[in-house]
């Protein structure tokens, strides 16, 4: 099964710290401008980057998702739902952190992050397509041995 557009949207959203970082590096005048725009401080960015690691592992496993893919790619892909859920839950915790940090003020970006993370969690838990996609990994095919000229 191919990864659905909705699933790609969820993965890209969960990997957004790395997307923002790459886009920020492309700005030669102020390499930290985009990071500063989307994250309150460097600590928040670091936490978001850590929370994105499970989703980033899925992109790496997807790149190796072929019959010759190794056992680590198969293991990561098989646990894809759990990895997406972990990343979404970490995103929720990061969005709600100001409530526990004492500031009791959640920004509009944090609210959007919380809402999107809740939607992703619901989608991953309820979608049969997501379950089927992560249950599907191309079977390993043994390469045919060299045929002798006598087999003609």
Protein backbone atom coordinates (compact mmCIF):
# COMPACT_ATOMS: atom_id res chain seq x y z
CA UNK A 1 0.00 0.00 0.00
CA UNK A 2 1.12 3.49 -0.77
CA UNK A 3 1.25 6.09 1.97
CA UNK A 4 -1.91 8.19 1.68
CA UNK A 5 -1.75 11.98 1.29
CA UNK A 6 -3.33 12.40 4.74
CA UNK A 7 -0.65 10.21 6.27
CA UNK A 8 2.10 12.18 4.49
CA UNK A 9 0.54 15.41 5.82
CA UNK A 10 0.65 13.99 9.35
CA UNK A 11 4.27 12.86 9.00
CA UNK A 12 5.40 16.21 7.53
CA UNK A 13 3.55 18.12 10.26
CA UNK A 14 5.20 16.03 12.96
CA UNK A 15 8.62 16.55 11.30
CA UNK A 16 8.10 20.31 10.97
CA UNK A 17 11.03 21.30 13.24
CA UNK A 18 13.37 19.77 10.67
CA UNK A 19 11.46 21.38 7.79
CA UNK A 20 11.70 24.77 9.53
CA UNK A 21 15.39 24.19 10.24
CA UNK A 22 16.16 23.37 6.59
CA UNK A 23 14.17 26.37 5.38
CA UNK A 24 15.89 28.57 7.95
CA UNK A 25 19.35 27.47 6.83
CA UNK A 26 18.44 28.51 3.29
CA UNK A 27 18.08 32.12 4.50
CA UNK A 28 21.65 33.36 4.31
CA UNK A 29 21.04 36.72 6.02
CA UNK A 30 19.53 35.39 9.24
CA UNK A 31 19.71 31.63 9.58
CA UNK A 32 17.69 31.61 12.84
CA UNK A 33 14.86 33.90 11.69
CA UNK A 34 12.32 31.17 10.87
CA UNK A 35 13.19 29.15 13.94
CA UNK A 36 12.69 32.23 16.11
CA UNK A 37 9.40 32.94 14.33
CA UNK A 38 7.92 29.51 15.03
CA UNK A 39 9.45 28.68 18.42
CA UNK A 40 9.47 30.75 21.61
CA UNK A 41 13.09 29.92 22.35
CA UNK A 42 15.84 27.50 21.39
CA UNK A 43 14.79 25.11 24.15
CA UNK A 44 11.29 24.82 22.67
CA UNK A 45 12.84 24.15 19.27
CA UNK A 46 15.10 21.45 20.73
CA UNK A 47 12.14 19.76 22.44
CA UNK A 48 10.12 19.89 19.22
CA UNK A 49 13.06 18.38 17.30
CA UNK A 50 13.28 15.54 19.84
CA UNK A 51 9.52 14.98 19.55
CA UNK A 52 9.85 14.72 15.78
CA UNK A 53 12.41 11.90 15.87
CA UNK A 54 9.79 9.08 15.83
CA UNK A 55 8.17 10.56 12.70
CA UNK A 56 11.59 11.13 11.15
CA UNK A 57 12.37 7.44 11.64
CA UNK A 58 9.31 6.66 9.51
CA UNK A 59 10.66 8.73 6.64
CA UNK A 60 13.94 6.84 6.84
CA UNK A 61 12.09 3.50 6.92
CA UNK A 62 9.93 4.60 3.98
CA UNK A 63 13.04 5.29 1.91
CA UNK A 64 14.16 1.70 2.62
CA UNK A 65 10.68 0.23 2.07
CA UNK A 66 11.45 -2.23 -0.71
CA UNK A 67 11.94 -6.00 -0.88
CA UNK A 68 15.64 -5.65 -0.06
CA UNK A 69 14.91 -3.40 2.95
CA UNK A 70 16.74 -4.51 6.05
CA UNK A 71 15.30 -5.81 9.31
CA UNK A 72 15.61 -2.43 11.07
CA UNK A 73 13.52 -0.71 8.38
CA UNK A 74 10.93 -3.49 8.65
CA UNK A 75 10.82 -3.17 12.44
CA UNK A 76 10.43 0.62 12.32
CA UNK A 77 7.72 0.36 9.64
CA UNK A 78 5.85 -2.34 11.57
CA UNK A 79 5.71 0.02 14.58
CA UNK A 80 4.76 3.05 12.49
CA UNK A 81 1.44 3.68 14.21
CA UNK A 82 3.08 3.71 17.63
CA UNK A 83 5.80 6.04 16.36
CA UNK A 84 3.26 8.47 14.90
CA UNK A 85 1.27 8.37 18.13
CA UNK A 86 4.39 8.96 20.22
CA UNK A 87 5.35 11.96 18.13
CA UNK A 88 1.81 13.38 18.27
CA UNK A 89 1.61 12.90 22.05
CA UNK A 90 4.97 14.59 22.54
CA UNK A 91 3.68 17.48 20.40
CA UNK A 92 0.61 17.74 22.65
CA UNK A 93 2.78 17.81 25.75
CA UNK A 94 4.98 20.54 24.25
CA UNK A 95 1.90 22.61 23.33
CA UNK A 96 0.50 22.25 26.85
CA UNK A 97 3.83 22.86 28.58
CA UNK A 98 3.07 26.54 29.40
CA UNK A 99 0.18 25.38 31.60
CA UNK A 100 2.58 23.33 33.70
CA UNK A 101 5.45 25.78 33.47
CA UNK A 102 3.59 28.46 35.38
CA UNK A 103 2.91 30.96 32.60
CA UNK A 104 -0.65 29.67 32.01
CA UNK A 105 -0.67 31.28 28.58
CA UNK A 106 -0.85 29.20 25.43
CA UNK A 107 0.07 30.95 22.19
CA UNK A 108 -1.91 30.66 18.97
CA UNK A 109 0.84 28.47 17.51
CA UNK A 110 0.64 26.16 20.53
CA UNK A 111 -3.14 25.97 20.16
CA UNK A 112 -2.80 25.08 16.47
CA UNK A 113 -0.13 22.50 17.31
CA UNK A 114 -2.36 20.97 19.99
CA UNK A 115 -5.37 20.84 17.65
CA UNK A 116 -3.37 19.29 14.79
CA UNK A 117 -1.77 16.74 17.15
CA UNK A 118 -5.19 15.71 18.49
CA UNK A 119 -6.47 15.29 14.91
CA UNK A 120 -3.43 13.20 13.97
CA UNK A 121 -3.89 11.02 17.05
CA UNK A 122 -7.55 10.44 16.19
CA UNK A 123 -6.67 9.70 12.55
CA UNK A 124 -3.91 7.23 13.42
CA UNK A 125 -6.06 5.40 15.95
CA UNK A 126 -9.20 5.22 13.79
CA UNK A 127 -7.91 4.77 10.24
CA UNK A 128 -7.85 1.26 8.90
CA UNK A 129 -5.77 2.54 5.98
CA UNK A 130 -2.99 3.65 8.36
CA UNK A 131 -3.03 0.25 10.06
CA UNK A 132 -2.97 -1.58 6.73
CA UNK A 133 -0.16 0.62 5.37
CA UNK A 134 2.09 -0.13 8.33
CA UNK A 135 1.22 -3.83 8.16
CA UNK A 136 2.41 -3.88 4.54
CA UNK A 137 6.10 -4.15 3.73
CA UNK A 138 7.32 -5.71 0.47
CA UNK A 139 8.34 -9.31 0.97
CA UNK A 140 11.98 -10.21 0.64
CA UNK A 141 12.64 -11.95 -2.66
CA UNK A 142 15.65 -14.22 -2.91
CA UNK A 143 17.64 -13.32 -6.02
CA UNK A 144 17.69 -16.06 -8.61
CA UNK A 145 20.97 -17.91 -8.76
CA UNK A 146 23.05 -17.76 -11.89
CA UNK A 147 21.73 -20.29 -14.35
CA UNK A 148 24.16 -22.62 -16.00
CA UNK A 149 24.44 -22.71 -19.74
CA UNK A 150 23.37 -26.39 -19.51
CA UNK A 151 19.83 -25.35 -18.43
CA UNK A 152 18.96 -24.24 -21.94
